């Protein structure tokens, strides 16, 4: 740990107003997880909001892909009798959008130690354990 690192502001982060209702739910879930890990701070609102927004985007893109498929047909050409003579199959734009959102969300979640490998690199100050028998002595 860096002994000269600036201290974070104590307290529970709250979802900013600009988040959608679903992103605010995701924000609250993430905030609860990092609070349980002992690393929650109001200093992290922006990063948590971005992560929640990206997670929502993943959900939206996934729904679009499930509804419309991973590909679509474009540039269909027909002959004089109405038979298809050529067509192009293209990737659904939501596939690339979801992939980018996943990469960004992963990098944001790693910042909070929310992957097994990242968690091993996060240090948390643990409160001093009190000896329950100290008062007896």
N, C-alpha and C. Protein backbone atom coordinates (compact mmCIF):
# COMPACT_ATOMS: atom_id res chain seq x y z
N UNK A 1 0.84 -1.19 0.00
CA UNK A 1 0.00 0.00 0.00
C UNK A 1 0.88 1.24 0.00
N UNK A 2 0.38 2.28 -0.60
CA UNK A 2 1.09 3.56 -0.65
C UNK A 2 0.76 4.35 0.61
N UNK A 3 1.73 4.57 1.49
CA UNK A 3 1.44 5.31 2.72
C UNK A 3 1.09 6.78 2.47
N UNK A 4 1.44 7.30 1.28
CA UNK A 4 1.15 8.69 0.96
C UNK A 4 -0.12 8.86 0.12
N UNK A 5 -0.86 7.78 -0.07
CA UNK A 5 -2.09 7.86 -0.86
C UNK A 5 -3.11 8.74 -0.14
N UNK A 6 -3.86 9.54 -0.88
CA UNK A 6 -4.88 10.37 -0.23
C UNK A 6 -5.96 9.49 0.38
N UNK A 7 -6.47 9.92 1.51
CA UNK A 7 -7.53 9.17 2.18
C UNK A 7 -8.84 9.35 1.43
N UNK A 8 -9.60 8.27 1.35
CA UNK A 8 -10.93 8.39 0.73
C UNK A 8 -11.90 8.94 1.76
N UNK A 9 -13.00 9.47 1.27
CA UNK A 9 -14.01 10.07 2.14
C UNK A 9 -14.91 8.96 2.67
N UNK A 10 -15.01 8.85 3.97
CA UNK A 10 -15.82 7.81 4.59
C UNK A 10 -17.29 8.02 4.27
N UNK A 11 -18.03 6.93 4.25
CA UNK A 11 -19.47 7.00 4.03
C UNK A 11 -19.89 6.09 2.90
N UNK A 12 -21.18 5.89 2.80
CA UNK A 12 -21.74 5.03 1.76
C UNK A 12 -22.05 5.84 0.52
N UNK A 13 -21.56 5.38 -0.63
CA UNK A 13 -21.87 6.10 -1.87
C UNK A 13 -23.35 5.99 -2.22
N UNK A 14 -23.90 7.06 -2.76
CA UNK A 14 -25.30 7.06 -3.19
C UNK A 14 -25.36 7.31 -4.69
N UNK A 15 -26.28 6.62 -5.34
CA UNK A 15 -26.42 6.72 -6.79
C UNK A 15 -26.73 8.15 -7.22
N UNK A 16 -26.01 8.65 -8.22
CA UNK A 16 -26.31 9.99 -8.71
C UNK A 16 -27.67 10.04 -9.43
N UNK A 17 -28.25 11.21 -9.48
CA UNK A 17 -29.58 11.42 -10.08
C UNK A 17 -29.63 11.04 -11.55
N UNK A 18 -28.53 11.20 -12.27
CA UNK A 18 -28.55 10.99 -13.71
C UNK A 18 -28.64 9.53 -14.12
N UNK A 19 -28.42 8.60 -13.19
CA UNK A 19 -28.53 7.18 -13.53
C UNK A 19 -29.99 6.81 -13.76
N UNK A 20 -30.22 5.90 -14.68
CA UNK A 20 -31.57 5.37 -14.88
C UNK A 20 -31.96 4.56 -13.65
N UNK A 21 -33.22 4.18 -13.56
CA UNK A 21 -33.69 3.39 -12.42
C UNK A 21 -32.93 2.07 -12.32
N UNK A 22 -32.74 1.39 -13.46
CA UNK A 22 -32.02 0.10 -13.44
C UNK A 22 -30.56 0.29 -13.06
N UNK A 23 -29.91 1.30 -13.63
CA UNK A 23 -28.50 1.55 -13.30
C UNK A 23 -28.37 1.90 -11.82
N UNK A 24 -29.34 2.61 -11.26
CA UNK A 24 -29.31 2.95 -9.83
C UNK A 24 -29.41 1.68 -8.98
N UNK A 25 -30.23 0.71 -9.42
CA UNK A 25 -30.30 -0.58 -8.72
C UNK A 25 -28.95 -1.27 -8.75
N UNK A 26 -28.32 -1.30 -9.91
CA UNK A 26 -27.01 -1.92 -10.05
C UNK A 26 -25.97 -1.19 -9.20
N UNK A 27 -26.05 0.14 -9.17
CA UNK A 27 -25.17 0.95 -8.34
C UNK A 27 -25.30 0.51 -6.88
N UNK A 28 -26.54 0.42 -6.41
CA UNK A 28 -26.79 0.04 -5.02
C UNK A 28 -26.25 -1.35 -4.72
N UNK A 29 -26.39 -2.28 -5.67
CA UNK A 29 -25.84 -3.63 -5.48
C UNK A 29 -24.32 -3.58 -5.35
N UNK A 30 -23.68 -2.84 -6.24
CA UNK A 30 -22.22 -2.72 -6.19
C UNK A 30 -21.79 -2.04 -4.90
N UNK A 31 -22.48 -0.98 -4.51
CA UNK A 31 -22.13 -0.26 -3.28
C UNK A 31 -22.24 -1.18 -2.06
N UNK A 32 -23.25 -2.03 -2.05
CA UNK A 32 -23.43 -2.96 -0.93
C UNK A 32 -22.27 -3.97 -0.90
N UNK A 33 -21.88 -4.45 -2.06
CA UNK A 33 -20.79 -5.43 -2.13
C UNK A 33 -19.49 -4.82 -1.62
N UNK A 34 -19.16 -3.62 -2.10
CA UNK A 34 -17.89 -3.04 -1.66
C UNK A 34 -17.96 -2.57 -0.21
N UNK A 35 -19.17 -2.25 0.28
CA UNK A 35 -19.31 -1.92 1.70
C UNK A 35 -19.02 -3.15 2.54
N UNK A 36 -19.55 -4.29 2.12
CA UNK A 36 -19.29 -5.54 2.84
C UNK A 36 -17.82 -5.92 2.79
N UNK A 37 -17.12 -5.51 1.73
CA UNK A 37 -15.69 -5.78 1.61
C UNK A 37 -14.86 -4.80 2.44
N UNK A 38 -15.50 -3.74 2.92
CA UNK A 38 -14.81 -2.75 3.73
C UNK A 38 -14.07 -1.69 2.93
N UNK A 39 -14.47 -1.49 1.66
CA UNK A 39 -13.77 -0.51 0.83
C UNK A 39 -14.70 0.57 0.27
N UNK A 40 -15.92 0.63 0.76
CA UNK A 40 -16.87 1.62 0.23
C UNK A 40 -16.46 3.03 0.65
N UNK A 41 -16.66 3.97 -0.25
CA UNK A 41 -16.36 5.37 0.03
C UNK A 41 -17.20 6.25 -0.88
N UNK A 42 -17.60 7.41 -0.36
CA UNK A 42 -18.32 8.35 -1.20
C UNK A 42 -17.40 8.91 -2.29
N UNK A 43 -16.10 8.73 -2.13
CA UNK A 43 -15.15 9.17 -3.15
C UNK A 43 -15.31 8.38 -4.45
N UNK A 44 -15.96 7.24 -4.39
CA UNK A 44 -16.04 6.34 -5.53
C UNK A 44 -17.34 6.44 -6.32
N UNK A 45 -18.15 7.43 -6.08
CA UNK A 45 -19.45 7.55 -6.73
C UNK A 45 -19.32 7.52 -8.25
N UNK A 46 -18.40 8.31 -8.80
CA UNK A 46 -18.25 8.38 -10.25
C UNK A 46 -17.89 7.05 -10.87
N UNK A 47 -16.93 6.36 -10.27
CA UNK A 47 -16.51 5.05 -10.80
C UNK A 47 -17.63 4.02 -10.67
N UNK A 48 -18.32 4.02 -9.55
CA UNK A 48 -19.44 3.09 -9.37
C UNK A 48 -20.56 3.39 -10.36
N UNK A 49 -20.82 4.67 -10.59
CA UNK A 49 -21.87 5.05 -11.54
C UNK A 49 -21.52 4.60 -12.95
N UNK A 50 -20.26 4.76 -13.33
CA UNK A 50 -19.85 4.28 -14.67
C UNK A 50 -20.00 2.77 -14.77
N UNK A 51 -19.58 2.05 -13.73
CA UNK A 51 -19.71 0.59 -13.75
C UNK A 51 -21.17 0.18 -13.84
N UNK A 52 -22.02 0.81 -13.06
CA UNK A 52 -23.45 0.48 -13.09
C UNK A 52 -24.06 0.79 -14.45
N UNK A 53 -23.68 1.91 -15.03
CA UNK A 53 -24.18 2.29 -16.34
C UNK A 53 -23.75 1.29 -17.41
N UNK A 54 -22.50 0.85 -17.34
CA UNK A 54 -22.00 -0.13 -18.30
C UNK A 54 -22.68 -1.48 -18.12
N UNK A 55 -22.93 -1.88 -16.86
CA UNK A 55 -23.63 -3.14 -16.62
C UNK A 55 -25.05 -3.08 -17.17
N UNK A 56 -25.69 -1.93 -17.03
CA UNK A 56 -27.02 -1.77 -17.62
C UNK A 56 -26.94 -1.87 -19.14
N UNK A 57 -25.93 -1.25 -19.73
CA UNK A 57 -25.76 -1.31 -21.18
C UNK A 57 -25.58 -2.75 -21.65
N UNK A 58 -24.86 -3.55 -20.88
CA UNK A 58 -24.69 -4.97 -21.21
C UNK A 58 -26.05 -5.66 -21.22
N UNK A 59 -26.87 -5.38 -20.23
CA UNK A 59 -28.22 -5.98 -20.17
C UNK A 59 -29.05 -5.56 -21.38
N UNK A 60 -29.00 -4.29 -21.75
CA UNK A 60 -29.79 -3.78 -22.87
C UNK A 60 -29.33 -4.44 -24.17
N UNK A 61 -28.03 -4.46 -24.40
CA UNK A 61 -27.50 -5.06 -25.62
C UNK A 61 -27.80 -6.55 -25.69
N UNK A 62 -27.72 -7.22 -24.55
CA UNK A 62 -28.04 -8.65 -24.52
C UNK A 62 -29.49 -8.88 -24.92
N UNK A 63 -30.39 -8.06 -24.43
CA UNK A 63 -31.82 -8.18 -24.80
C UNK A 63 -32.00 -7.95 -26.29
N UNK A 64 -31.28 -6.96 -26.85
CA UNK A 64 -31.39 -6.69 -28.28
C UNK A 64 -30.89 -7.88 -29.10
N UNK A 65 -29.80 -8.49 -28.66
CA UNK A 65 -29.24 -9.65 -29.36
C UNK A 65 -30.17 -10.84 -29.26
N UNK A 66 -30.75 -11.05 -28.07
CA UNK A 66 -31.69 -12.15 -27.90
C UNK A 66 -32.92 -11.98 -28.78
N UNK A 67 -33.37 -10.75 -28.95
CA UNK A 67 -34.55 -10.48 -29.78
C UNK A 67 -34.24 -10.54 -31.27
N UNK A 68 -33.11 -9.97 -31.68
CA UNK A 68 -32.83 -9.84 -33.10
C UNK A 68 -31.77 -10.77 -33.66
N UNK A 69 -31.11 -11.52 -32.80
CA UNK A 69 -30.04 -12.41 -33.26
C UNK A 69 -28.71 -11.69 -33.35
N UNK A 70 -27.66 -12.46 -33.55
CA UNK A 70 -26.31 -11.91 -33.62
C UNK A 70 -25.98 -11.34 -34.99
N UNK A 71 -26.75 -11.73 -35.98
CA UNK A 71 -26.50 -11.26 -37.35
C UNK A 71 -27.82 -10.80 -37.98
N UNK A 72 -27.67 -10.10 -39.12
CA UNK A 72 -28.84 -9.73 -39.91
C UNK A 72 -28.44 -9.75 -41.38
N UNK A 73 -29.43 -9.88 -42.22
CA UNK A 73 -29.21 -9.94 -43.67
C UNK A 73 -29.34 -8.53 -44.24
N UNK A 74 -28.41 -8.17 -45.11
CA UNK A 74 -28.39 -6.85 -45.71
C UNK A 74 -28.03 -6.98 -47.19
N UNK A 75 -28.37 -5.98 -47.96
CA UNK A 75 -27.97 -5.94 -49.37
C UNK A 75 -28.49 -7.10 -50.20
N UNK A 76 -29.74 -7.48 -49.97
CA UNK A 76 -30.32 -8.60 -50.72
C UNK A 76 -30.62 -8.16 -52.16
N UNK A 77 -30.17 -8.96 -53.11
CA UNK A 77 -30.46 -8.70 -54.53
C UNK A 77 -31.22 -9.89 -55.10
N UNK A 78 -32.22 -9.55 -55.91
CA UNK A 78 -33.09 -10.56 -56.48
C UNK A 78 -32.94 -10.57 -58.00
N UNK A 79 -33.20 -11.74 -58.57
CA UNK A 79 -33.23 -11.80 -60.03
C UNK A 79 -34.64 -11.45 -60.51
N UNK A 80 -34.87 -11.51 -61.80
CA UNK A 80 -36.16 -11.13 -62.37
C UNK A 80 -37.31 -12.01 -61.89
N UNK A 81 -37.00 -13.18 -61.41
CA UNK A 81 -38.05 -14.09 -60.96
C UNK A 81 -38.23 -14.06 -59.44
N UNK A 82 -37.57 -13.12 -58.77
CA UNK A 82 -37.74 -12.95 -57.33
C UNK A 82 -36.87 -13.85 -56.47
N UNK A 83 -35.92 -14.56 -57.08
CA UNK A 83 -35.02 -15.40 -56.30
C UNK A 83 -33.83 -14.56 -55.82
N UNK A 84 -33.37 -14.89 -54.63
CA UNK A 84 -32.20 -14.18 -54.08
C UNK A 84 -30.96 -14.62 -54.85
N UNK A 85 -30.25 -13.63 -55.36
CA UNK A 85 -28.99 -13.93 -56.07
C UNK A 85 -27.77 -13.58 -55.22
N UNK A 86 -27.93 -12.65 -54.32
CA UNK A 86 -26.83 -12.34 -53.40
C UNK A 86 -27.38 -11.65 -52.16
N UNK A 87 -26.64 -11.78 -51.09
CA UNK A 87 -27.00 -11.12 -49.85
C UNK A 87 -25.77 -11.04 -48.97
N UNK A 88 -25.80 -10.11 -48.05
CA UNK A 88 -24.70 -9.97 -47.09
C UNK A 88 -25.25 -10.25 -45.70
N UNK A 89 -24.49 -11.02 -44.96
CA UNK A 89 -24.85 -11.27 -43.56
C UNK A 89 -23.88 -10.45 -42.72
N UNK A 90 -24.44 -9.58 -41.91
CA UNK A 90 -23.63 -8.68 -41.09
C UNK A 90 -23.88 -8.94 -39.61
N UNK A 91 -22.89 -8.58 -38.82
CA UNK A 91 -23.04 -8.70 -37.38
C UNK A 91 -23.94 -7.61 -36.84
N UNK A 92 -24.77 -7.99 -35.87
CA UNK A 92 -25.65 -7.03 -35.22
C UNK A 92 -24.78 -6.02 -34.47
N UNK A 93 -25.03 -4.72 -34.62
CA UNK A 93 -24.21 -3.71 -33.93
C UNK A 93 -24.20 -3.88 -32.40
N UNK A 94 -25.26 -4.43 -31.84
CA UNK A 94 -25.33 -4.60 -30.39
C UNK A 94 -24.29 -5.61 -29.89
N UNK A 95 -23.84 -6.51 -30.76
CA UNK A 95 -22.82 -7.48 -30.35
C UNK A 95 -21.51 -6.75 -30.03
N UNK A 96 -21.09 -5.87 -30.92
CA UNK A 96 -19.86 -5.10 -30.68
C UNK A 96 -20.05 -4.13 -29.51
N UNK A 97 -21.21 -3.52 -29.41
CA UNK A 97 -21.47 -2.60 -28.31
C UNK A 97 -21.42 -3.32 -26.97
N UNK A 98 -22.00 -4.51 -26.91
CA UNK A 98 -21.98 -5.29 -25.67
C UNK A 98 -20.56 -5.70 -25.32
N UNK A 99 -19.82 -6.13 -26.32
CA UNK A 99 -18.43 -6.54 -26.08
C UNK A 99 -17.61 -5.40 -25.50
N UNK A 100 -17.75 -4.21 -26.05
CA UNK A 100 -17.03 -3.04 -25.54
C UNK A 100 -17.49 -2.69 -24.13
N UNK A 101 -18.79 -2.75 -23.89
CA UNK A 101 -19.32 -2.46 -22.55
C UNK A 101 -18.80 -3.48 -21.54
N UNK A 102 -18.69 -4.74 -21.95
CA UNK A 102 -18.17 -5.78 -21.06
C UNK A 102 -16.71 -5.52 -20.71
N UNK A 103 -15.91 -5.16 -21.70
CA UNK A 103 -14.50 -4.87 -21.44
C UNK A 103 -14.37 -3.69 -20.46
N UNK A 104 -15.14 -2.65 -20.70
CA UNK A 104 -15.06 -1.47 -19.84
C UNK A 104 -15.57 -1.78 -18.44
N UNK A 105 -16.69 -2.50 -18.34
CA UNK A 105 -17.24 -2.86 -17.03
C UNK A 105 -16.25 -3.72 -16.26
N UNK A 106 -15.61 -4.65 -16.95
CA UNK A 106 -14.63 -5.51 -16.28
C UNK A 106 -13.49 -4.68 -15.70
N UNK A 107 -12.99 -3.73 -16.48
CA UNK A 107 -11.87 -2.92 -15.97
C UNK A 107 -12.32 -2.06 -14.79
N UNK A 108 -13.56 -1.57 -14.81
CA UNK A 108 -14.07 -0.78 -13.69
C UNK A 108 -14.27 -1.66 -12.45
N UNK A 109 -14.80 -2.85 -12.64
CA UNK A 109 -15.03 -3.74 -11.51
C UNK A 109 -13.72 -4.19 -10.87
N UNK A 110 -12.70 -4.39 -11.70
CA UNK A 110 -11.38 -4.77 -11.18
C UNK A 110 -10.83 -3.68 -10.26
N UNK A 111 -11.12 -2.43 -10.58
CA UNK A 111 -10.66 -1.32 -9.74
C UNK A 111 -11.17 -1.45 -8.30
N UNK A 112 -12.30 -2.12 -8.13
CA UNK A 112 -12.88 -2.30 -6.80
C UNK A 112 -12.57 -3.68 -6.22
N UNK A 113 -11.72 -4.45 -6.91
CA UNK A 113 -11.38 -5.78 -6.44
C UNK A 113 -12.50 -6.78 -6.63
N UNK A 114 -13.34 -6.56 -7.65
CA UNK A 114 -14.52 -7.41 -7.85
C UNK A 114 -14.29 -8.53 -8.86
N UNK A 115 -13.11 -9.11 -8.82
CA UNK A 115 -12.82 -10.35 -9.52
C UNK A 115 -11.90 -11.14 -8.60
N UNK A 116 -11.85 -12.45 -8.74
CA UNK A 116 -11.00 -13.23 -7.82
C UNK A 116 -9.53 -12.77 -7.82
N UNK A 117 -8.97 -12.53 -9.00
CA UNK A 117 -7.57 -12.11 -9.07
C UNK A 117 -7.39 -10.71 -8.49
N UNK A 118 -8.29 -9.80 -8.83
CA UNK A 118 -8.17 -8.42 -8.34
C UNK A 118 -8.36 -8.35 -6.83
N UNK A 119 -9.25 -9.19 -6.31
CA UNK A 119 -9.53 -9.18 -4.88
C UNK A 119 -8.26 -9.50 -4.07
N UNK A 120 -7.41 -10.35 -4.63
CA UNK A 120 -6.18 -10.72 -3.92
C UNK A 120 -5.20 -9.55 -3.85
N UNK A 121 -5.41 -8.52 -4.65
CA UNK A 121 -4.49 -7.37 -4.67
C UNK A 121 -5.00 -6.18 -3.88
N UNK A 122 -6.23 -6.26 -3.37
CA UNK A 122 -6.82 -5.15 -2.63
C UNK A 122 -6.51 -5.32 -1.15
N UNK A 123 -6.01 -4.26 -0.52
CA UNK A 123 -5.73 -4.28 0.91
C UNK A 123 -6.80 -3.49 1.63
N UNK A 124 -7.25 -4.03 2.73
CA UNK A 124 -8.26 -3.36 3.54
C UNK A 124 -7.72 -3.27 4.96
N UNK A 125 -7.84 -2.11 5.55
CA UNK A 125 -7.45 -1.95 6.95
C UNK A 125 -8.48 -2.64 7.81
N UNK A 126 -8.03 -3.59 8.61
CA UNK A 126 -8.94 -4.31 9.49
C UNK A 126 -8.90 -3.67 10.87
N UNK A 127 -10.04 -3.56 11.52
CA UNK A 127 -10.05 -2.97 12.86
C UNK A 127 -9.27 -3.87 13.82
N UNK A 128 -8.66 -3.23 14.81
CA UNK A 128 -7.95 -4.00 15.82
C UNK A 128 -8.92 -4.90 16.55
N UNK A 129 -8.53 -6.15 16.69
CA UNK A 129 -9.38 -7.07 17.43
C UNK A 129 -9.14 -6.88 18.91
N UNK A 130 -10.21 -6.74 19.64
CA UNK A 130 -10.10 -6.52 21.07
C UNK A 130 -10.11 -7.87 21.79
N UNK A 131 -9.28 -7.95 22.78
CA UNK A 131 -9.21 -9.16 23.60
C UNK A 131 -10.43 -9.17 24.51
N UNK A 132 -11.31 -10.15 24.38
CA UNK A 132 -12.52 -10.16 25.21
C UNK A 132 -12.20 -10.36 26.70
N UNK A 133 -10.99 -10.81 27.02
CA UNK A 133 -10.63 -11.05 28.41
C UNK A 133 -9.82 -9.91 29.02
N UNK A 134 -9.55 -8.85 28.23
CA UNK A 134 -8.71 -7.73 28.71
C UNK A 134 -9.32 -7.05 29.93
N UNK A 135 -10.62 -6.94 30.00
CA UNK A 135 -11.27 -6.26 31.11
C UNK A 135 -11.17 -7.07 32.41
N UNK A 136 -10.89 -8.35 32.31
CA UNK A 136 -10.83 -9.20 33.49
C UNK A 136 -9.50 -9.07 34.23
N UNK A 137 -8.47 -8.60 33.52
CA UNK A 137 -7.12 -8.59 34.07
C UNK A 137 -6.81 -7.45 34.89
